Structures are given as C-alpha cells and as structure tokens.
Amino acid sequence: MLADRDTVRTTGLKDETWLRLVDVETALSVRSWGAAEPVVLEVRDGVLPENQGCYRIGGDGVTRVDTEPHLGLDVADLGALYLGDVRPSTLAATGRVVVHDPAALALADRLFATDVVPWSGTGF
C-alpha cells in the first residue's frame, strides 16, 4: 500500500486481459448476473457460427431463444462485457452494440455489472 496515493500518477494504459468466448451459451450460463429484467442479446460470430443467435439473459439464467433481440453485438465485444469492466451503454455509445430497444440498455448495464474489476497484471 502507498503512504500517500496522491504522489502516484498514471503514465500510460495498455491492454492486459483479452477474452474470446468460444462457447457463448455455456459461458453465459455459468456467469452470475445482476438484478434486472431479462434482455435478449443477439451475438454475431464470423468464426464460430454455432455461437450466433439470440440469448435471453436474466437473473434466472440464460436461454437461447428465437425472438427479436433488444441488443446486438459481435462476440469480440461480448468478451469485454463478460468480464464486467465495460458497460453495454459505453459500447453502444461507440457503435459497438446495436440498440434495437433503448430501454434494454439500462437493463443490460445492470445485468453485466460486477463488483470486482478484472485485472491480470501480466502483459503479453
């Protein structure tokens, strides 16, 4: 611990942890979710087509569904959301999440929220 944290300054930021979900349905099923109404998320995956589809995500779990999505994104962006370090609304503001239902964005923020920010400490 630092005796005086005001003496420390950030001189740079770089990526440490990257995540690529290989089995989206299983990964989403084992993750814990925040308290919010369910959201239907459409995942696109150009490498593993079996991951593509719509997933209903809620506090009661995850189910693959055949309904219209509230939000859509690429599997690469889902990796960032999965760890909880970035909010869906942040990715939506940059165009990385397609919003079909604006009300779902705040719900998704609550669902993907975590108490602990991911950190690795190992560069690559």
N, C-alpha and C. Protein backbone atom coordinates (compact mmCIF):
# COMPACT_ATOMS: atom_id res chain seq x y z
N MET A 1 0.83 -1.18 0.00
CA MET A 1 0.00 0.00 0.00
C MET A 1 0.88 1.24 0.00
N LEU A 2 0.31 2.29 -0.50
CA LEU A 2 1.03 3.55 -0.59
C LEU A 2 0.76 4.42 0.64
N ALA A 3 1.78 5.09 1.11
CA ALA A 3 1.59 6.01 2.23
C ALA A 3 0.85 7.26 1.78
N ASP A 4 1.14 7.70 0.55
CA ASP A 4 0.49 8.90 0.01
C ASP A 4 0.11 8.64 -1.43
N ARG A 5 -1.12 8.24 -1.66
CA ARG A 5 -1.53 7.88 -3.01
C ARG A 5 -1.57 9.06 -3.96
N ASP A 6 -1.55 10.27 -3.45
CA ASP A 6 -1.53 11.45 -4.31
C ASP A 6 -0.19 11.64 -5.01
N THR A 7 0.83 10.92 -4.57
CA THR A 7 2.15 11.06 -5.21
C THR A 7 2.29 10.16 -6.44
N VAL A 8 1.31 9.32 -6.68
CA VAL A 8 1.35 8.40 -7.82
C VAL A 8 0.54 8.98 -8.96
N ARG A 9 1.06 8.85 -10.18
CA ARG A 9 0.29 9.29 -11.34
C ARG A 9 0.36 8.22 -12.42
N THR A 10 -0.69 8.11 -13.19
CA THR A 10 -0.75 7.16 -14.29
C THR A 10 -0.01 7.73 -15.48
N THR A 11 0.93 6.97 -16.01
CA THR A 11 1.71 7.44 -17.16
C THR A 11 1.33 6.73 -18.44
N GLY A 12 0.47 5.72 -18.34
CA GLY A 12 0.03 5.02 -19.55
C GLY A 12 -0.92 3.89 -19.22
N LEU A 13 -1.67 3.50 -20.21
CA LEU A 13 -2.59 2.38 -20.09
C LEU A 13 -2.36 1.44 -21.25
N LYS A 14 -2.46 0.14 -21.01
CA LYS A 14 -2.37 -0.83 -22.09
C LYS A 14 -3.22 -2.04 -21.75
N ASP A 15 -3.63 -2.74 -22.80
CA ASP A 15 -4.45 -3.93 -22.61
C ASP A 15 -3.66 -5.02 -21.91
N GLU A 16 -4.32 -5.70 -20.99
CA GLU A 16 -3.72 -6.85 -20.32
C GLU A 16 -4.54 -8.11 -20.55
N THR A 17 -5.84 -7.98 -20.43
CA THR A 17 -6.70 -9.15 -20.47
C THR A 17 -7.63 -9.08 -21.67
N TRP A 18 -7.52 -10.05 -22.53
CA TRP A 18 -8.43 -10.19 -23.66
C TRP A 18 -9.17 -11.50 -23.49
N LEU A 19 -10.42 -11.51 -23.88
CA LEU A 19 -11.23 -12.72 -23.74
C LEU A 19 -12.00 -12.96 -25.02
N ARG A 20 -11.92 -14.19 -25.50
CA ARG A 20 -12.68 -14.60 -26.69
C ARG A 20 -13.54 -15.79 -26.27
N LEU A 21 -14.85 -15.60 -26.22
CA LEU A 21 -15.74 -16.68 -25.82
C LEU A 21 -15.85 -17.68 -26.96
N VAL A 22 -15.50 -18.93 -26.68
CA VAL A 22 -15.52 -19.98 -27.69
C VAL A 22 -16.87 -20.70 -27.68
N ASP A 23 -17.46 -20.85 -26.52
CA ASP A 23 -18.77 -21.47 -26.37
C ASP A 23 -19.66 -20.46 -25.64
N VAL A 24 -20.32 -19.61 -26.41
CA VAL A 24 -21.08 -18.49 -25.84
C VAL A 24 -22.17 -18.97 -24.90
N GLU A 25 -22.94 -19.96 -25.31
CA GLU A 25 -24.06 -20.41 -24.48
C GLU A 25 -23.59 -20.92 -23.12
N THR A 26 -22.54 -21.72 -23.10
CA THR A 26 -22.02 -22.22 -21.83
C THR A 26 -21.43 -21.10 -20.99
N ALA A 27 -20.66 -20.23 -21.62
CA ALA A 27 -20.04 -19.12 -20.89
C ALA A 27 -21.11 -18.23 -20.24
N LEU A 28 -22.14 -17.90 -20.99
CA LEU A 28 -23.20 -17.06 -20.44
C LEU A 28 -23.96 -17.79 -19.33
N SER A 29 -24.10 -19.10 -19.46
CA SER A 29 -24.85 -19.88 -18.48
C SER A 29 -24.15 -19.99 -17.14
N VAL A 30 -22.82 -19.92 -17.12
CA VAL A 30 -22.10 -20.08 -15.85
C VAL A 30 -21.75 -18.75 -15.19
N ARG A 31 -22.03 -17.66 -15.85
CA ARG A 31 -21.74 -16.34 -15.28
C ARG A 31 -22.89 -15.91 -14.37
N SER A 32 -22.57 -15.15 -13.33
CA SER A 32 -23.64 -14.60 -12.50
C SER A 32 -24.10 -13.27 -13.12
N TRP A 33 -25.34 -12.91 -12.85
CA TRP A 33 -25.94 -11.73 -13.46
C TRP A 33 -26.50 -10.81 -12.40
N GLY A 34 -26.49 -9.53 -12.69
CA GLY A 34 -27.07 -8.54 -11.79
C GLY A 34 -28.58 -8.62 -11.79
N ALA A 35 -29.18 -7.85 -10.92
CA ALA A 35 -30.64 -7.84 -10.79
C ALA A 35 -31.25 -6.88 -11.80
N ALA A 36 -31.94 -7.43 -12.77
CA ALA A 36 -32.65 -6.63 -13.77
C ALA A 36 -33.57 -7.54 -14.56
N GLU A 37 -34.51 -6.94 -15.24
CA GLU A 37 -35.38 -7.70 -16.13
C GLU A 37 -34.53 -8.30 -17.25
N PRO A 38 -34.95 -9.41 -17.82
CA PRO A 38 -34.17 -10.06 -18.88
C PRO A 38 -34.01 -9.20 -20.13
N VAL A 39 -32.92 -9.44 -20.84
CA VAL A 39 -32.61 -8.77 -22.10
C VAL A 39 -32.27 -9.85 -23.12
N VAL A 40 -32.72 -9.67 -24.36
CA VAL A 40 -32.37 -10.60 -25.43
C VAL A 40 -31.22 -9.99 -26.22
N LEU A 41 -30.12 -10.72 -26.23
CA LEU A 41 -28.88 -10.27 -26.86
C LEU A 41 -28.60 -11.10 -28.10
N GLU A 42 -28.41 -10.44 -29.23
CA GLU A 42 -28.05 -11.14 -30.47
C GLU A 42 -26.54 -11.11 -30.62
N VAL A 43 -25.93 -12.28 -30.72
CA VAL A 43 -24.48 -12.40 -30.85
C VAL A 43 -24.13 -12.79 -32.28
N ARG A 44 -23.18 -12.06 -32.86
CA ARG A 44 -22.64 -12.39 -34.19
C ARG A 44 -21.24 -12.96 -34.01
N ASP A 45 -20.94 -14.01 -34.74
CA ASP A 45 -19.62 -14.63 -34.65
C ASP A 45 -19.24 -15.15 -36.03
N GLY A 46 -18.31 -14.48 -36.69
CA GLY A 46 -17.89 -14.86 -38.03
C GLY A 46 -16.96 -16.07 -38.07
N VAL A 47 -16.46 -16.50 -36.93
CA VAL A 47 -15.53 -17.63 -36.88
C VAL A 47 -16.24 -18.91 -36.44
N LEU A 48 -17.06 -18.81 -35.42
CA LEU A 48 -17.78 -19.98 -34.89
C LEU A 48 -19.28 -19.73 -35.03
N PRO A 49 -19.86 -20.12 -36.17
CA PRO A 49 -21.27 -19.84 -36.42
C PRO A 49 -22.22 -20.46 -35.39
N GLU A 50 -21.78 -21.50 -34.69
CA GLU A 50 -22.65 -22.10 -33.68
C GLU A 50 -22.91 -21.15 -32.50
N ASN A 51 -22.09 -20.12 -32.37
CA ASN A 51 -22.30 -19.12 -31.32
C ASN A 51 -23.34 -18.08 -31.70
N GLN A 52 -23.58 -17.92 -32.99
CA GLN A 52 -24.51 -16.89 -33.46
C GLN A 52 -25.92 -17.21 -33.02
N GLY A 53 -26.62 -16.17 -32.62
CA GLY A 53 -28.00 -16.36 -32.24
C GLY A 53 -28.41 -15.39 -31.15
N CYS A 54 -29.62 -15.57 -30.67
CA CYS A 54 -30.17 -14.71 -29.63
C CYS A 54 -30.21 -15.45 -28.30
N TYR A 55 -29.82 -14.75 -27.25
CA TYR A 55 -29.77 -15.31 -25.91
C TYR A 55 -30.56 -14.41 -24.97
N ARG A 56 -31.48 -15.01 -24.24
CA ARG A 56 -32.23 -14.28 -23.22
C ARG A 56 -31.42 -14.37 -21.94
N ILE A 57 -30.97 -13.21 -21.44
CA ILE A 57 -30.12 -13.15 -20.25
C ILE A 57 -30.90 -12.48 -19.13
N GLY A 58 -30.96 -13.14 -17.99
CA GLY A 58 -31.65 -12.58 -16.84
C GLY A 58 -31.11 -13.16 -15.55
N GLY A 59 -31.60 -12.66 -14.45
CA GLY A 59 -31.16 -13.14 -13.15
C GLY A 59 -31.42 -14.62 -12.94
N ASP A 60 -32.39 -15.16 -13.69
CA ASP A 60 -32.72 -16.58 -13.55
C ASP A 60 -31.92 -17.46 -14.51
N GLY A 61 -30.99 -16.87 -15.26
CA GLY A 61 -30.15 -17.67 -16.14
C GLY A 61 -30.20 -17.21 -17.59
N VAL A 62 -29.72 -18.08 -18.45
CA VAL A 62 -29.60 -17.77 -19.88
C VAL A 62 -30.27 -18.87 -20.69
N THR A 63 -31.01 -18.45 -21.71
CA THR A 63 -31.68 -19.38 -22.60
C THR A 63 -31.48 -18.91 -24.03
N ARG A 64 -31.18 -19.84 -24.91
CA ARG A 64 -31.13 -19.50 -26.33
C ARG A 64 -32.57 -19.38 -26.82
N VAL A 65 -32.88 -18.30 -27.53
CA VAL A 65 -34.26 -18.04 -27.94
C VAL A 65 -34.32 -17.69 -29.42
N ASP A 66 -35.52 -17.77 -29.97
CA ASP A 66 -35.76 -17.40 -31.36
C ASP A 66 -36.75 -16.23 -31.37
N THR A 67 -36.31 -15.10 -30.79
CA THR A 67 -37.13 -13.90 -30.73
C THR A 67 -36.31 -12.70 -31.19
N GLU A 68 -36.98 -11.59 -31.36
CA GLU A 68 -36.29 -10.36 -31.76
C GLU A 68 -35.37 -9.90 -30.63
N PRO A 69 -34.15 -9.48 -30.97
CA PRO A 69 -33.20 -9.04 -29.94
C PRO A 69 -33.47 -7.60 -29.49
N HIS A 70 -33.07 -7.33 -28.26
CA HIS A 70 -33.09 -5.96 -27.74
C HIS A 70 -31.78 -5.25 -28.11
N LEU A 71 -30.68 -6.03 -28.07
CA LEU A 71 -29.35 -5.51 -28.36
C LEU A 71 -28.61 -6.51 -29.24
N GLY A 72 -27.66 -6.03 -30.03
CA GLY A 72 -26.85 -6.91 -30.85
C GLY A 72 -25.39 -6.51 -30.78
N LEU A 73 -24.50 -7.51 -30.87
CA LEU A 73 -23.07 -7.23 -30.82
C LEU A 73 -22.27 -8.40 -31.36
N ASP A 74 -21.01 -8.13 -31.65
CA ASP A 74 -20.08 -9.15 -32.09
C ASP A 74 -19.53 -9.89 -30.87
N VAL A 75 -19.13 -11.13 -31.06
CA VAL A 75 -18.60 -11.93 -29.96
C VAL A 75 -17.36 -11.27 -29.33
N ALA A 76 -16.59 -10.52 -30.10
CA ALA A 76 -15.41 -9.84 -29.54
C ALA A 76 -15.83 -8.82 -28.49
N ASP A 77 -16.92 -8.11 -28.74
CA ASP A 77 -17.40 -7.13 -27.77
C ASP A 77 -18.07 -7.81 -26.58
N LEU A 78 -18.67 -8.96 -26.82
CA LEU A 78 -19.25 -9.72 -25.72
C LEU A 78 -18.16 -10.13 -24.73
N GLY A 79 -16.96 -10.42 -25.22
CA GLY A 79 -15.85 -10.75 -24.33
C GLY A 79 -15.54 -9.62 -23.36
N ALA A 80 -15.59 -8.39 -23.84
CA ALA A 80 -15.35 -7.24 -22.97
C ALA A 80 -16.47 -7.09 -21.94
N LEU A 81 -17.70 -7.28 -22.38
CA LEU A 81 -18.84 -7.17 -21.45
C LEU A 81 -18.83 -8.28 -20.42
N TYR A 82 -18.44 -9.46 -20.84
CA TYR A 82 -18.49 -10.65 -19.99
C TYR A 82 -17.71 -10.45 -18.69
N LEU A 83 -16.57 -9.81 -18.77
CA LEU A 83 -15.74 -9.60 -17.59
C LEU A 83 -16.25 -8.48 -16.69
N GLY A 84 -17.15 -7.65 -17.20
CA GLY A 84 -17.75 -6.60 -16.38
C GLY A 84 -16.97 -5.31 -16.28
N ASP A 85 -15.90 -5.18 -17.04
CA ASP A 85 -15.08 -3.97 -16.95
C ASP A 85 -15.64 -2.82 -17.77
N VAL A 86 -16.47 -3.14 -18.74
CA VAL A 86 -17.08 -2.12 -19.59
C VAL A 86 -18.58 -2.35 -19.62
N ARG A 87 -19.32 -1.26 -19.68
CA ARG A 87 -20.79 -1.36 -19.67
C ARG A 87 -21.33 -1.43 -21.09
N PRO A 88 -22.45 -2.13 -21.29
CA PRO A 88 -23.07 -2.15 -22.61
C PRO A 88 -23.37 -0.75 -23.15
N SER A 89 -23.78 0.16 -22.28
CA SER A 89 -24.09 1.52 -22.74
C SER A 89 -22.84 2.23 -23.27
N THR A 90 -21.69 1.92 -22.71
CA THR A 90 -20.43 2.51 -23.20
C THR A 90 -20.13 1.99 -24.60
N LEU A 91 -20.28 0.68 -24.80
CA LEU A 91 -20.05 0.12 -26.13
C LEU A 91 -21.11 0.60 -27.13
N ALA A 92 -22.32 0.81 -26.67
CA ALA A 92 -23.37 1.33 -27.55
C ALA A 92 -23.04 2.75 -28.00
N ALA A 93 -22.49 3.55 -27.10
CA ALA A 93 -22.13 4.93 -27.44
C ALA A 93 -21.04 4.99 -28.50
N THR A 94 -20.25 3.93 -28.60
CA THR A 94 -19.18 3.89 -29.60
C THR A 94 -19.59 3.11 -30.85
N GLY A 95 -20.84 2.65 -30.89
CA GLY A 95 -21.33 1.91 -32.05
C GLY A 95 -21.00 0.43 -32.03
N ARG A 96 -20.46 -0.08 -30.95
CA ARG A 96 -20.08 -1.50 -30.87
C ARG A 96 -21.24 -2.39 -30.44
N VAL A 97 -22.28 -1.80 -29.86
CA VAL A 97 -23.51 -2.52 -29.53
C VAL A 97 -24.63 -1.85 -30.30
N VAL A 98 -25.39 -2.65 -31.05
CA VAL A 98 -26.54 -2.14 -31.79
C VAL A 98 -27.75 -2.19 -30.86
N VAL A 99 -28.43 -1.07 -30.73
CA VAL A 99 -29.56 -0.97 -29.82
C VAL A 99 -30.86 -1.04 -30.62
N HIS A 100 -31.61 -2.11 -30.42
CA HIS A 100 -32.92 -2.26 -31.05
C HIS A 100 -34.03 -1.76 -30.13
N ASP A 101 -33.79 -1.83 -28.82
CA ASP A 101 -34.75 -1.37 -27.81
C ASP A 101 -33.99 -0.53 -26.79
N PRO A 102 -34.11 0.80 -26.85
CA PRO A 102 -33.34 1.67 -25.96
C PRO A 102 -33.54 1.37 -24.47
N ALA A 103 -34.72 0.91 -24.08
CA ALA A 103 -34.97 0.60 -22.67
C ALA A 103 -34.10 -0.56 -22.18
N ALA A 104 -33.68 -1.42 -23.09
CA ALA A 104 -32.88 -2.59 -22.71
C ALA A 104 -31.45 -2.23 -22.33
N LEU A 105 -30.99 -1.07 -22.74
CA LEU A 105 -29.60 -0.70 -22.48
C LEU A 105 -29.33 -0.55 -20.98
N ALA A 106 -30.19 0.14 -20.27
CA ALA A 106 -30.01 0.29 -18.81
C ALA A 106 -30.14 -1.06 -18.11
N LEU A 107 -31.04 -1.90 -18.60
CA LEU A 107 -31.18 -3.25 -18.03
C LEU A 107 -29.90 -4.05 -18.23
N ALA A 108 -29.34 -3.99 -19.43
CA ALA A 108 -28.11 -4.72 -19.72
C ALA A 108 -26.95 -4.20 -18.86
N ASP A 109 -26.90 -2.90 -18.64
CA ASP A 109 -25.86 -2.35 -17.75
C ASP A 109 -25.95 -3.00 -16.37
N ARG A 110 -27.15 -3.15 -15.86
CA ARG A 110 -27.32 -3.76 -14.53
C ARG A 110 -27.01 -5.26 -14.56
N LEU A 111 -27.42 -5.93 -15.62
CA LEU A 111 -27.16 -7.37 -15.72
C LEU A 111 -25.67 -7.68 -15.77
N PHE A 112 -24.91 -6.92 -16.55
CA PHE A 112 -23.48 -7.19 -16.74
C PHE A 112 -22.60 -6.57 -15.65
N ALA A 113 -23.17 -5.80 -14.74
CA ALA A 113 -22.38 -5.15 -13.69
C ALA A 113 -21.72 -6.17 -12.77
N THR A 114 -20.51 -5.85 -12.32
CA THR A 114 -19.79 -6.70 -11.37
C THR A 114 -19.22 -5.84 -10.25
N ASP A 115 -18.95 -6.46 -9.13
CA ASP A 115 -18.36 -5.74 -8.01
C ASP A 115 -16.84 -5.67 -8.11
N VAL A 116 -16.25 -6.60 -8.88
CA VAL A 116 -14.79 -6.68 -8.98
C VAL A 116 -14.38 -6.46 -10.44
N VAL A 117 -13.47 -5.53 -10.65
CA VAL A 117 -12.98 -5.25 -12.00
C VAL A 117 -11.89 -6.27 -12.34
N PRO A 118 -11.94 -6.84 -13.55
CA PRO A 118 -10.91 -7.83 -13.92
C PRO A 118 -9.53 -7.19 -14.00
N TRP A 119 -8.54 -7.94 -13.59
CA TRP A 119 -7.16 -7.46 -13.63
C TRP A 119 -6.24 -8.66 -13.71
N SER A 120 -5.23 -8.57 -14.55
CA SER A 120 -4.32 -9.69 -14.73
C SER A 120 -2.94 -9.38 -14.18
N GLY A 121 -2.37 -8.25 -14.55
CA GLY A 121 -1.03 -7.92 -14.11
C GLY A 121 0.06 -8.57 -14.94
N THR A 122 -0.34 -9.32 -15.95
CA THR A 122 0.62 -9.99 -16.82
C THR A 122 0.44 -9.48 -18.24
N GLY A 123 1.45 -8.84 -18.78
CA GLY A 123 1.38 -8.36 -20.15
C GLY A 123 1.64 -9.47 -21.14
N PHE A 124 1.25 -9.25 -22.37
CA PHE A 124 1.53 -10.24 -23.41
C PHE A 124 1.85 -9.52 -24.70
